[in-house]
């Protein structure tokens, strides 16, 4: 890739990512006002490890923020805080912005970097899996970033966008078979959120055609073992925090989906833009379309698509089915399956890729 193309993509993705992060912070906001989650103190509680379980156990970004606080001289932190407070008014501004202006500034920049990273990770994954024209590879991340605010709701969590970025990068590394780097990405995903174990499923299915059973079992054992140790230590560390590590939401989800109006919710993002929200019928339609497109999708996307099963099952039992942020791990897979199907409908005939050694 030429330097000029890199610069153009950086400008494009940075611009759209700025909109994505701005919406992420603005709606519904980084600080949830739900009393059970700490109310206005939730942002500070997340950063400094006082938040309820299981939210407090998603530690990657809080650790990065605290590291930035630790290495930044107090005078510099004070200048940043003064500059942030000068832009605030009491009307409509959450109290925590006054309490943690430096931490908020760091958090917003971290989220922006992760969002730009997601765009490039998705671009790379598209190049590895979709045989479409080069401009399509460039456009797909911008379109997905622009549509991402449609998945916001319930509260914006510090770990959401990093989860999306790190998970997508790990998928690309599996597809490229760069397993040393994949190990680092997997470790970051584990620290960030427990759903990192979905990557092990993708890795195992993808590598089952290439590895002997003993090698495959060893790889799964190492990944699951690392996950158990790291997540176990994190949960033990926060064992005295309030909240529940796991809560069954089966009946609550059935009640939500039983109301027809919950399938047709939209929210205005700007005067010229309205996006679906919650368990919208458009998302259901998009998922159904992926089932038709999956038959002719690239093999790696077919392998990765299996994460749909545990995500839907776990969300139905323990999550909120209308909380679209819980489906972030599916987004890069579903998006590329849909884009691949769209290009086939447009008449683009991909050139068959040569079979990799060890595949049948």
Protein backbone atom coordinates (compact mmCIF):
# COMPACT_ATOMS: atom_id res chain seq x y z
CA UNK A 1 0.00 0.00 0.00
CA UNK A 2 1.39 3.37 -1.01
CA UNK A 3 2.10 6.14 1.47
CA UNK A 4 -0.48 8.35 -0.24
CA UNK A 5 -3.17 5.72 0.21
CA UNK A 6 -2.24 5.31 3.88
CA UNK A 7 -2.56 9.07 4.42
CA UNK A 8 -5.92 9.20 2.64
CA UNK A 9 -7.29 6.27 4.65
CA UNK A 10 -5.99 7.75 7.90
CA UNK A 11 -7.76 11.03 7.16
CA UNK A 12 -10.95 9.24 6.11
CA UNK A 13 -11.10 6.85 9.05
CA UNK A 14 -10.05 9.50 11.59
CA UNK A 15 -12.81 11.83 10.42
CA UNK A 16 -15.55 9.21 10.58
CA UNK A 17 -14.14 7.80 13.84
CA UNK A 18 -14.35 11.27 15.40
CA UNK A 19 -18.07 11.31 14.63
CA UNK A 20 -18.44 7.76 15.98
CA UNK A 21 -16.67 8.52 19.26
CA UNK A 22 -18.45 11.86 19.67
CA UNK A 23 -21.80 10.08 19.43
CA UNK A 24 -20.51 7.36 21.74
CA UNK A 25 -19.69 9.92 24.43
CA UNK A 26 -22.81 12.01 23.82
CA UNK A 27 -25.46 9.30 23.54
CA UNK A 28 -26.30 7.78 25.85
CA UNK A 29 -23.11 8.99 27.51
CA UNK A 30 -20.10 7.50 29.23
CA UNK A 31 -21.66 7.88 32.67
CA UNK A 32 -24.81 5.91 33.28
CA UNK A 33 -27.26 7.53 35.67
CA UNK A 34 -28.79 4.19 36.71
CA UNK A 35 -28.70 4.06 40.52
CA UNK A 36 -27.73 0.38 40.56
CA UNK A 37 -24.61 1.18 38.55
CA UNK A 38 -23.42 4.08 40.67
CA UNK A 39 -25.35 6.92 39.05
CA UNK A 40 -23.23 9.95 38.24
CA UNK A 41 -20.19 8.35 39.89
CA UNK A 42 -20.09 5.45 37.41
CA UNK A 43 -17.33 6.86 35.19
CA UNK A 44 -14.99 7.48 38.11
CA UNK A 45 -15.94 4.16 39.67
CA UNK A 46 -15.00 2.35 36.43
CA UNK A 47 -11.67 4.14 36.14
CA UNK A 48 -10.68 3.57 39.77
CA UNK A 49 -12.12 0.09 40.29
CA UNK A 50 -15.15 0.88 42.44
CA UNK A 51 -17.88 0.03 39.90
CA UNK A 52 -20.22 -2.94 40.36
CA UNK A 53 -19.61 -6.34 38.83
CA UNK A 54 -19.31 -7.44 36.09
CA UNK A 55 -18.52 -4.00 34.60
CA UNK A 56 -15.53 -3.35 36.84
CA UNK A 57 -13.83 -6.54 35.63
CA UNK A 58 -13.38 -5.11 32.11
CA UNK A 59 -10.09 -3.50 33.07
CA UNK A 60 -8.02 -2.71 29.97
CA UNK A 61 -9.08 0.91 29.42
CA UNK A 62 -9.27 1.80 33.14
CA UNK A 63 -5.69 0.55 33.51
CA UNK A 64 -4.58 2.63 30.52
CA UNK A 65 -6.28 5.72 31.95
CA UNK A 66 -4.72 5.24 35.38
CA UNK A 67 -1.32 4.70 33.75
CA UNK A 68 -1.71 8.01 31.91
CA UNK A 69 -2.66 9.73 35.17
CA UNK A 70 0.38 8.22 36.90
CA UNK A 71 2.94 9.33 34.29
CA UNK A 72 1.51 12.81 33.66
CA UNK A 73 2.97 15.56 35.88
CA UNK A 74 0.40 17.12 38.23
CA UNK A 75 0.87 20.55 36.65
CA UNK A 76 0.03 19.19 33.20
CA UNK A 77 -3.02 17.38 34.57
CA UNK A 78 -4.17 20.60 36.22
CA UNK A 79 -3.86 22.54 32.96
CA UNK A 80 -5.91 19.95 31.08
CA UNK A 81 -8.54 19.90 33.83
CA UNK A 82 -8.77 23.69 33.83
CA UNK A 83 -9.20 23.75 30.06
CA UNK A 84 -11.94 21.12 30.16
CA UNK A 85 -13.84 22.77 33.00
CA UNK A 86 -13.73 26.09 31.17
CA UNK A 87 -15.79 24.58 28.36
CA UNK A 88 -18.50 23.23 30.68
CA UNK A 89 -21.72 24.75 31.89
CA UNK A 90 -23.94 23.45 34.64
CA UNK A 91 -26.88 22.95 32.30
CA UNK A 92 -27.05 19.43 30.97
CA UNK A 93 -23.47 18.51 31.87
CA UNK A 94 -22.88 15.49 34.09
CA UNK A 95 -21.24 16.17 37.42
CA UNK A 96 -18.50 13.61 36.79
CA UNK A 97 -17.01 15.79 34.06
CA UNK A 98 -16.11 18.29 36.75
CA UNK A 99 -14.69 15.56 38.96
CA UNK A 100 -12.63 13.69 36.37
CA UNK A 101 -11.82 16.09 33.49
CA UNK A 102 -8.31 14.75 32.88
CA UNK A 103 -9.43 11.11 33.02
CA UNK A 104 -12.24 11.92 30.60
CA UNK A 105 -9.84 13.60 28.16
CA UNK A 106 -7.55 10.57 28.25
CA UNK A 107 -10.49 8.17 27.88
CA UNK A 108 -11.87 9.99 24.86
CA UNK A 109 -8.50 9.92 23.09
CA UNK A 110 -8.01 6.24 23.92
CA UNK A 111 -11.44 5.46 22.48
CA UNK A 112 -10.63 7.45 19.34
CA UNK A 113 -7.38 5.52 18.82
CA UNK A 114 -9.15 2.19 19.30
CA UNK A 115 -11.88 3.22 16.87
CA UNK A 116 -9.37 4.19 14.19
CA UNK A 117 -7.61 0.90 14.92
CA UNK A 118 -10.88 -0.94 14.40
CA UNK A 119 -11.24 0.68 10.97
CA UNK A 120 -7.79 -0.48 9.86
CA UNK A 121 -8.29 -3.94 11.39
CA UNK A 122 -11.58 -4.31 9.50
CA UNK A 123 -9.86 -3.05 6.32
CA UNK A 124 -7.17 -5.71 6.74
CA UNK A 125 -9.73 -8.44 7.49
CA UNK A 126 -11.67 -7.41 4.39
CA UNK A 127 -8.52 -7.65 2.27
CA UNK A 128 -7.78 -11.10 3.69
CA UNK A 129 -11.25 -12.49 3.11
CA UNK A 130 -13.14 -10.59 0.40
CA UNK A 131 -12.05 -10.70 -3.23
CA UNK A 132 -13.57 -7.36 -4.19
CA UNK A 133 -12.12 -4.21 -5.80
CA UNK A 134 -9.61 -2.26 -3.68
CA UNK A 135 -11.91 0.78 -3.30
CA UNK A 136 -14.44 -1.52 -1.61
CA UNK A 137 -11.86 -2.56 0.97
CA UNK A 138 -11.29 1.12 1.69
CA UNK A 139 -14.98 2.02 1.89
CA UNK A 140 -16.24 -0.83 4.08
CA UNK A 141 -14.70 0.42 7.37
CA UNK A 142 -15.96 3.96 6.78
CA UNK A 143 -19.51 2.71 6.17
CA UNK A 144 -19.43 0.47 9.26
CA UNK A 145 -18.05 3.28 11.44
CA UNK A 146 -20.72 5.65 10.19
CA UNK A 147 -23.47 3.14 11.02
CA UNK A 148 -22.03 2.14 14.39
CA UNK A 149 -23.95 4.76 16.45
CA UNK A 150 -27.09 2.85 15.53
CA UNK A 151 -25.91 0.19 18.00
CA UNK A 152 -25.52 2.62 20.89
CA UNK A 153 -27.86 2.55 23.84
CA UNK A 154 -28.23 1.55 27.48
CA UNK A 155 -24.99 3.34 28.37
CA UNK A 156 -21.65 3.64 26.64
CA UNK A 157 -19.04 1.54 28.38
CA UNK A 158 -15.30 2.20 28.33
CA UNK A 159 -14.63 -1.31 27.08
CA UNK A 160 -17.07 -1.32 24.13
CA UNK A 161 -15.03 0.25 21.32
CA UNK A 162 -11.76 -1.36 22.47
CA UNK A 163 -13.53 -4.72 22.46
CA UNK A 164 -14.64 -4.14 18.88
CA UNK A 165 -11.14 -3.08 17.79
CA UNK A 166 -9.16 -5.80 19.55
CA UNK A 167 -11.58 -8.56 18.55
CA UNK A 168 -11.48 -7.50 14.89
CA UNK A 169 -7.69 -7.32 14.92
CA UNK A 170 -7.51 -10.78 16.46
CA UNK A 171 -9.81 -12.13 13.72
CA UNK A 172 -7.53 -10.62 11.06
CA UNK A 173 -4.48 -12.17 12.72
CA UNK A 174 -6.17 -15.58 12.73
CA UNK A 175 -7.08 -15.17 9.06
CA UNK A 176 -3.47 -14.16 8.28
CA UNK A 177 -2.14 -16.96 10.51
CA UNK A 178 0.05 -14.52 12.44
CA UNK A 179 -0.25 -16.43 15.67
CA UNK A 180 2.45 -14.76 17.76
CA UNK A 181 0.75 -11.42 17.25
CA UNK A 182 -2.61 -13.11 17.71
CA UNK A 183 -1.48 -14.24 21.16
CA UNK A 184 -0.89 -10.59 22.14
CA UNK A 185 -4.25 -9.49 20.72
CA UNK A 186 -5.97 -12.37 22.49
CA UNK A 187 -4.35 -11.35 25.79
CA UNK A 188 -5.60 -7.76 25.36
CA UNK A 189 -9.10 -9.06 24.58
CA UNK A 190 -9.09 -11.24 27.71
CA UNK A 191 -8.14 -8.32 29.95
CA UNK A 192 -10.74 -6.13 28.26
CA UNK A 193 -13.72 -8.50 28.38
CA UNK A 194 -14.57 -12.13 29.05
CA UNK A 195 -16.04 -12.62 25.55
CA UNK A 196 -12.47 -12.98 24.26
CA UNK A 197 -13.01 -16.73 24.55
CA UNK A 198 -15.08 -16.52 21.36
CA UNK A 199 -11.79 -16.05 19.52
CA UNK A 200 -10.69 -19.51 20.62
CA UNK A 201 -13.76 -20.95 18.91
CA UNK A 202 -12.89 -19.12 15.67
CA UNK A 203 -9.25 -20.19 15.91
CA UNK A 204 -10.17 -23.85 16.52
CA UNK A 205 -12.66 -24.06 13.66
CA UNK A 206 -10.35 -22.23 11.27
CA UNK A 207 -7.29 -24.32 12.15
CA UNK A 208 -9.08 -27.67 12.32
CA UNK A 209 -8.36 -28.23 8.61
CA UNK A 210 -4.63 -27.66 9.02
CA UNK A 211 -3.56 -29.02 12.39
CA UNK A 212 -3.42 -32.48 13.84
CA UNK A 213 -5.82 -33.20 16.67
CA UNK A 214 -3.09 -33.02 19.33
CA UNK A 215 -1.88 -29.64 18.05
CA UNK A 216 -5.42 -28.31 17.92
CA UNK A 217 -6.17 -29.54 21.44
CA UNK A 218 -2.96 -27.95 22.76
CA UNK A 219 -3.85 -24.60 21.20
CA UNK A 220 -7.34 -24.68 22.70
CA UNK A 221 -5.94 -25.76 26.07
CA UNK A 222 -3.43 -22.90 26.19
CA UNK A 223 -6.01 -20.27 25.25
CA UNK A 224 -8.70 -21.53 27.62
CA UNK A 225 -6.14 -21.93 30.39
CA UNK A 226 -4.88 -18.37 29.93
CA UNK A 227 -8.46 -17.09 29.93
CA UNK A 228 -9.30 -18.98 33.12
CA UNK A 229 -6.22 -17.70 34.96
CA UNK A 230 -6.52 -14.05 33.91
CA UNK A 231 -10.29 -13.74 34.25
CA UNK A 232 -10.18 -15.71 37.49
CA UNK A 233 -7.59 -13.34 38.99
CA UNK A 234 -9.57 -10.29 37.87
CA UNK A 235 -12.82 -11.60 39.31
CA UNK A 236 -11.05 -12.54 42.55
CA UNK A 237 -9.54 -9.05 42.83
CA UNK A 238 -12.97 -7.42 42.50
CA UNK A 239 -14.81 -10.10 44.48
CA UNK A 240 -15.93 -7.59 47.14
CA UNK A 241 -17.39 -5.11 44.68
CA UNK A 242 -21.19 -4.89 44.65
CA UNK A 243 -23.27 -6.38 41.87
CA UNK A 244 -23.58 -9.81 40.30
CA UNK A 245 -21.03 -11.44 38.04
CA UNK A 246 -23.85 -13.28 36.25
CA UNK A 247 -27.59 -12.50 36.19
CA UNK A 248 -30.27 -14.50 34.35
CA UNK A 249 -32.36 -12.26 32.06
CA UNK A 250 -34.34 -14.92 30.19
CA UNK A 251 -37.81 -13.78 31.24
CA UNK A 252 -36.93 -10.10 30.93
CA UNK A 253 -35.82 -10.67 27.32
CA UNK A 254 -39.01 -12.56 26.50
CA UNK A 255 -41.05 -9.63 27.82
CA UNK A 256 -39.10 -7.12 25.73
CA UNK A 257 -39.48 -9.04 22.48
CA UNK A 258 -43.18 -9.64 23.15
CA UNK A 259 -43.85 -5.90 22.69
CA UNK A 260 -44.11 -5.15 18.92
CA UNK A 261 -43.12 -1.52 19.40
CA UNK A 262 -39.66 -2.55 20.62
CA UNK A 263 -38.89 -3.86 17.12
CA UNK A 264 -39.40 -0.46 15.48
CA UNK A 265 -37.43 2.03 17.59
CA UNK A 266 -35.38 4.82 15.97
CA UNK A 267 -33.48 7.82 17.28
CA UNK A 268 -32.38 11.05 15.59
CA UNK A 269 -28.61 11.50 15.49
CA UNK A 270 -28.75 14.80 13.62
CA UNK A 271 -31.29 16.80 11.65
CA UNK A 272 -30.36 14.76 8.58
CA UNK A 273 -29.75 11.33 10.16
CA UNK A 274 -32.03 8.85 11.92
CA UNK A 275 -30.69 5.47 13.01
CA UNK A 276 -32.44 2.32 14.29
CA UNK A 277 -32.00 1.46 17.94
CA UNK A 278 -32.60 -1.51 20.19
CA UNK A 279 -33.76 -4.83 18.75
CA UNK A 280 -34.89 -3.15 15.57
CA UNK A 281 -36.52 -5.15 12.76
CA UNK A 282 -33.88 -3.78 10.36
CA UNK A 283 -31.15 -5.53 12.35
CA UNK A 284 -33.13 -8.75 12.29
CA UNK A 285 -33.56 -8.41 8.52
CA UNK A 286 -29.82 -7.79 8.12
CA UNK A 287 -29.03 -10.91 10.11
CA UNK A 288 -31.45 -12.98 8.00
CA UNK A 289 -29.77 -11.69 4.85
CA UNK A 290 -26.40 -12.88 6.14
CA UNK A 291 -27.81 -16.40 6.35
CA UNK A 292 -28.52 -16.27 2.60
CA UNK A 293 -25.15 -14.66 1.83
CA UNK A 294 -23.23 -17.10 4.02
CA UNK A 295 -23.46 -19.99 1.56
CA UNK A 296 -21.10 -18.24 -0.88
CA UNK A 297 -19.06 -16.37 1.72
CA UNK A 298 -15.30 -16.96 2.04
CA UNK A 299 -14.41 -19.95 4.17
CA UNK A 300 -12.87 -17.94 7.01
CA UNK A 301 -16.04 -15.89 7.43
CA UNK A 302 -18.04 -19.11 7.47
CA UNK A 303 -15.78 -20.40 10.22
CA UNK A 304 -15.99 -17.17 12.21
CA UNK A 305 -19.77 -17.04 11.81
CA UNK A 306 -20.11 -19.88 14.31
CA UNK A 307 -19.66 -17.33 17.13
CA UNK A 308 -23.26 -16.31 16.41
CA UNK A 309 -24.46 -19.42 18.27
CA UNK A 310 -22.82 -18.78 21.68
CA UNK A 311 -23.36 -15.00 21.45
CA UNK A 312 -27.11 -15.34 20.90
CA UNK A 313 -27.44 -18.12 23.46
CA UNK A 314 -25.49 -16.29 26.18
CA UNK A 315 -27.21 -12.98 25.43
CA UNK A 316 -30.65 -14.55 25.63
CA UNK A 317 -29.82 -16.14 28.99
CA UNK A 318 -27.58 -13.57 30.68
CA UNK A 319 -27.68 -10.34 28.65
CA UNK A 320 -30.23 -7.91 27.28
CA UNK A 321 -31.24 -8.95 23.76
CA UNK A 322 -32.12 -5.37 22.84
CA UNK A 323 -28.79 -4.00 24.06
CA UNK A 324 -27.01 -3.97 20.72
CA UNK A 325 -23.56 -3.30 22.13
CA UNK A 326 -23.44 -6.94 23.31
CA UNK A 327 -23.25 -8.01 19.66
CA UNK A 328 -20.07 -6.07 18.84
CA UNK A 329 -18.06 -9.26 18.39
CA UNK A 330 -20.42 -10.23 15.57
CA UNK A 331 -20.19 -6.89 13.78
CA UNK A 332 -17.01 -7.39 11.70
CA UNK A 333 -18.10 -10.89 10.66
CA UNK A 334 -21.69 -10.00 9.78
CA UNK A 335 -20.64 -6.78 8.03
CA UNK A 336 -18.16 -8.54 5.74
CA UNK A 337 -20.60 -11.36 4.95
CA UNK A 338 -23.20 -8.73 3.99
CA UNK A 339 -20.78 -6.68 1.90
CA UNK A 340 -19.57 -9.79 0.12
CA UNK A 341 -23.16 -10.73 -0.70
CA UNK A 342 -23.89 -7.19 -1.87
CA UNK A 343 -21.00 -7.24 -4.33
CA UNK A 344 -22.17 -10.54 -5.73
CA UNK A 345 -25.64 -9.06 -6.24
CA UNK A 346 -24.01 -6.18 -8.10
CA UNK A 347 -22.57 -8.70 -10.54
CA UNK A 348 -18.97 -8.72 -9.33
CA UNK A 349 -17.49 -12.17 -9.88
CA UNK A 350 -14.58 -12.84 -7.50
CA UNK A 351 -11.53 -14.66 -8.77
CA UNK A 352 -11.17 -17.98 -6.92
CA UNK A 353 -8.30 -17.90 -4.44
CA UNK A 354 -5.71 -20.69 -4.67
CA UNK A 355 -6.10 -23.34 -2.00
CA UNK A 356 -3.76 -22.97 0.95
CA UNK A 357 -1.35 -25.79 1.76
CA UNK A 358 -2.96 -28.37 3.97
CA UNK A 359 -6.53 -27.51 3.00
CA UNK A 360 -9.02 -29.62 1.10
